[in-house]
Amino acid sequence: MREGFRQSIAWLHTWCGLLVCWVLLLVFAGGTASYYKEEISLWMMPELHATRSAPVPQAQAIEHAVAYLQQKAPRAERWFITLPAERSVAMRVGWVAPAGDGNG
């Protein structure tokens, strides 16, 4: 050990700090990119621009969602409907199956 203990620890502290900072930078950049996933997908696939120009009225979306849920899960305890919004053009539906339905 040609350097002193203090210089060795300073070198280790510097490089460990730089490594941690680069990892945090990648984590924060990935989190930011995932937040803007819909916009990035739209930007990367120009063919989707046509779907963004004609939104479905919410009343019609609710009617379709309820009809689908009545057909697929008429005995469900709860239904969940997420309507299309400005950032997401897709409508999502889900349900909670009744207890003892054999799906758990």
C-alpha atoms as a PDB file:
ATOM      1  CA  MET A   1       0.000   0.000   0.000  1.00  0.00           C
ATOM      2  CA  ARG A   2       2.019   2.925  -1.270  1.00  0.00           C
ATOM      3  CA  GLU A   3      -0.667   5.474  -0.404  1.00  0.00           C
ATOM      4  CA  GLY A   4      -2.029   6.107   3.013  1.00  0.00           C
ATOM      5  CA  PHE A   5      -5.188   4.561   4.356  1.00  0.00           C
ATOM      6  CA  ARG A   6      -7.016   7.873   4.093  1.00  0.00           C
ATOM      7  CA  GLN A   7      -6.269   8.244   0.351  1.00  0.00           C
ATOM      8  CA  SER A   8      -7.304   4.630  -0.310  1.00  0.00           C
ATOM      9  CA  ILE A   9     -10.628   5.128   1.414  1.00  0.00           C
ATOM     10  CA  ALA A  10     -11.148   8.467  -0.402  1.00  0.00           C
ATOM     11  CA  TRP A  11     -10.572   6.714  -3.744  1.00  0.00           C
ATOM     12  CA  LEU A  12     -13.012   3.924  -2.792  1.00  0.00           C
ATOM     13  CA  HIS A  13     -15.582   6.450  -1.573  1.00  0.00           C
ATOM     14  CA  THR A  14     -15.321   8.446  -4.818  1.00  0.00           C
ATOM     15  CA  TRP A  15     -15.810   5.459  -7.118  1.00  0.00           C
ATOM     16  CA  CYS A  16     -18.582   3.895  -5.022  1.00  0.00           C
ATOM     17  CA  GLY A  17     -20.353   7.259  -4.964  1.00  0.00           C
ATOM     18  CA  LEU A  18     -20.055   7.598  -8.747  1.00  0.00           C
ATOM     19  CA  LEU A  19     -21.383   4.075  -9.239  1.00  0.00           C
ATOM     20  CA  VAL A  20     -24.378   4.720  -6.982  1.00  0.00           C
ATOM     21  CA  CYS A  21     -25.084   8.023  -8.750  1.00  0.00           C
ATOM     22  CA  TRP A  22     -25.070   6.356 -12.184  1.00  0.00           C
ATOM     23  CA  VAL A  23     -27.426   3.629 -10.958  1.00  0.00           C
ATOM     24  CA  LEU A  24     -29.783   6.235  -9.491  1.00  0.00           C
ATOM     25  CA  LEU A  25     -29.672   8.209 -12.741  1.00  0.00           C
ATOM     26  CA  LEU A  26     -30.710   5.108 -14.696  1.00  0.00           C
ATOM     27  CA  VAL A  27     -33.492   4.328 -12.205  1.00  0.00           C
ATOM     28  CA  PHE A  28     -34.891   7.872 -12.340  1.00  0.00           C
ATOM     29  CA  ALA A  29     -34.619   8.038 -16.141  1.00  0.00           C
ATOM     30  CA  GLY A  30     -36.415   4.686 -16.429  1.00  0.00           C
ATOM     31  CA  GLY A  31     -39.135   5.827 -14.043  1.00  0.00           C
ATOM     32  CA  THR A  32     -39.659   9.022 -16.004  1.00  0.00           C
ATOM     33  CA  ALA A  33     -39.805   7.112 -19.278  1.00  0.00           C
ATOM     34  CA  SER A  34     -42.349   4.659 -17.835  1.00  0.00           C
ATOM     35  CA  TYR A  35     -44.544   7.544 -16.687  1.00  0.00           C
ATOM     36  CA  TYR A  36     -44.676   8.841 -20.264  1.00  0.00           C
ATOM     37  CA  LYS A  37     -45.083   5.352 -21.794  1.00  0.00           C
ATOM     38  CA  GLU A  38     -48.303   6.197 -23.645  1.00  0.00           C
ATOM     39  CA  GLU A  39     -46.842   9.320 -25.220  1.00  0.00           C
ATOM     40  CA  ILE A  40     -43.618   7.537 -26.181  1.00  0.00           C
ATOM     41  CA  SER A  41     -45.594   4.671 -27.741  1.00  0.00           C
ATOM     42  CA  LEU A  42     -47.668   7.129 -29.734  1.00  0.00           C
ATOM     43  CA  TRP A  43     -44.529   8.935 -30.884  1.00  0.00           C
ATOM     44  CA  MET A  44     -42.814   5.685 -31.916  1.00  0.00           C
ATOM     45  CA  MET A  45     -45.829   4.326 -33.852  1.00  0.00           C
ATOM     46  CA  PRO A  46     -47.275   7.030 -36.108  1.00  0.00           C
ATOM     47  CA  GLU A  47     -49.975   4.645 -37.344  1.00  0.00           C
ATOM     48  CA  LEU A  48     -51.650   5.044 -33.941  1.00  0.00           C
ATOM     49  CA  HIS A  49     -52.223   8.761 -34.532  1.00  0.00           C
ATOM     50  CA  ALA A  50     -55.489   7.982 -36.342  1.00  0.00           C
ATOM     51  CA  THR A  51     -56.874   6.277 -33.230  1.00  0.00           C
ATOM     52  CA  ARG A  52     -56.157   9.352 -31.125  1.00  0.00           C
ATOM     53  CA  SER A  53     -58.211  11.669 -33.328  1.00  0.00           C
ATOM     54  CA  ALA A  54     -61.629  10.022 -32.827  1.00  0.00           C
ATOM     55  CA  PRO A  55     -62.357   9.467 -29.124  1.00  0.00           C
ATOM     56  CA  VAL A  56     -65.383   7.390 -28.133  1.00  0.00           C
ATOM     57  CA  PRO A  57     -67.999   9.253 -26.068  1.00  0.00           C
ATOM     58  CA  GLN A  58     -67.945   8.177 -22.435  1.00  0.00           C
ATOM     59  CA  ALA A  59     -71.622   7.206 -22.410  1.00  0.00           C
ATOM     60  CA  GLN A  60     -71.046   4.810 -25.291  1.00  0.00           C
ATOM     61  CA  ALA A  61     -67.913   3.405 -23.623  1.00  0.00           C
ATOM     62  CA  ILE A  62     -69.858   2.780 -20.402  1.00  0.00           C
ATOM     63  CA  GLU A  63     -72.647   1.015 -22.310  1.00  0.00           C
ATOM     64  CA  HIS A  64     -70.142  -1.297 -24.017  1.00  0.00           C
ATOM     65  CA  ALA A  65     -68.340  -2.003 -20.753  1.00  0.00           C
ATOM     66  CA  VAL A  66     -71.522  -2.856 -18.864  1.00  0.00           C
ATOM     67  CA  ALA A  67     -72.755  -5.072 -21.708  1.00  0.00           C
ATOM     68  CA  TYR A  68     -69.419  -6.919 -21.769  1.00  0.00           C
ATOM     69  CA  LEU A  69     -69.405  -7.384 -18.001  1.00  0.00           C
ATOM     70  CA  GLN A  70     -73.019  -8.590 -17.955  1.00  0.00           C
ATOM     71  CA  GLN A  71     -72.069 -11.201 -20.549  1.00  0.00           C
ATOM     72  CA  LYS A  72     -68.724 -12.322 -19.089  1.00  0.00           C
ATOM     73  CA  ALA A  73     -69.217 -11.891 -15.337  1.00  0.00           C
ATOM     74  CA  PRO A  74     -72.893 -11.659 -14.436  1.00  0.00           C
ATOM     75  CA  ARG A  75     -72.384 -13.121 -10.936  1.00  0.00           C
ATOM     76  CA  ALA A  76     -69.336 -11.054 -10.004  1.00  0.00           C
ATOM     77  CA  GLU A  77     -69.200  -9.368  -6.608  1.00  0.00           C
ATOM     78  CA  ARG A  78     -67.738  -6.186  -8.044  1.00  0.00           C
ATOM     79  CA  TRP A  79     -67.027  -4.675 -11.459  1.00  0.00           C
ATOM     80  CA  PHE A  80     -64.212  -2.250 -12.243  1.00  0.00           C
ATOM     81  CA  ILE A  81     -64.402   0.024 -15.281  1.00  0.00           C
ATOM     82  CA  THR A  82     -61.580   2.390 -16.236  1.00  0.00           C
ATOM     83  CA  LEU A  83     -62.749   4.762 -18.942  1.00  0.00           C
ATOM     84  CA  PRO A  84     -60.574   6.195 -21.694  1.00  0.00           C
ATOM     85  CA  ALA A  85     -58.829   9.393 -20.705  1.00  0.00           C
ATOM     86  CA  GLU A  86     -56.584  11.963 -22.311  1.00  0.00           C
ATOM     87  CA  ARG A  87     -53.435   9.919 -21.680  1.00  0.00           C
ATOM     88  CA  SER A  88     -54.900   6.465 -22.313  1.00  0.00           C
ATOM     89  CA  VAL A  89     -57.215   5.616 -25.190  1.00  0.00           C
ATOM     90  CA  ALA A  90     -57.944   2.111 -23.932  1.00  0.00           C
ATOM     91  CA  MET A  91     -60.846   1.177 -21.707  1.00  0.00           C
ATOM     92  CA  ARG A  92     -60.178  -1.478 -19.075  1.00  0.00           C
ATOM     93  CA  VAL A  93     -62.717  -3.656 -17.306  1.00  0.00           C
ATOM     94  CA  GLY A  94     -62.303  -6.153 -14.504  1.00  0.00           C
ATOM     95  CA  TRP A  95     -64.296  -7.959 -11.888  1.00  0.00           C
ATOM     96  CA  VAL A  96     -64.016  -9.824  -8.592  1.00  0.00           C
ATOM     97  CA  ALA A  97     -65.290 -13.367  -8.813  1.00  0.00           C
ATOM     98  CA  PRO A  98     -67.658 -14.534  -6.064  1.00  0.00           C
ATOM     99  CA  ALA A  99     -66.189 -16.531  -3.204  1.00  0.00           C
ATOM    100  CA  GLY A 100     -66.151 -20.265  -3.823  1.00  0.00           C
ATOM    101  CA  ASP A 101     -66.228 -19.886  -7.588  1.00  0.00           C
ATOM    102  CA  GLY A 102     -63.313 -22.327  -7.928  1.00  0.00           C
ATOM    103  CA  ASN A 103     -60.931 -19.817  -9.562  1.00  0.00           C
ATOM    104  CA  GLY A 104     -58.748 -19.208  -6.554  1.00  0.00           C
END
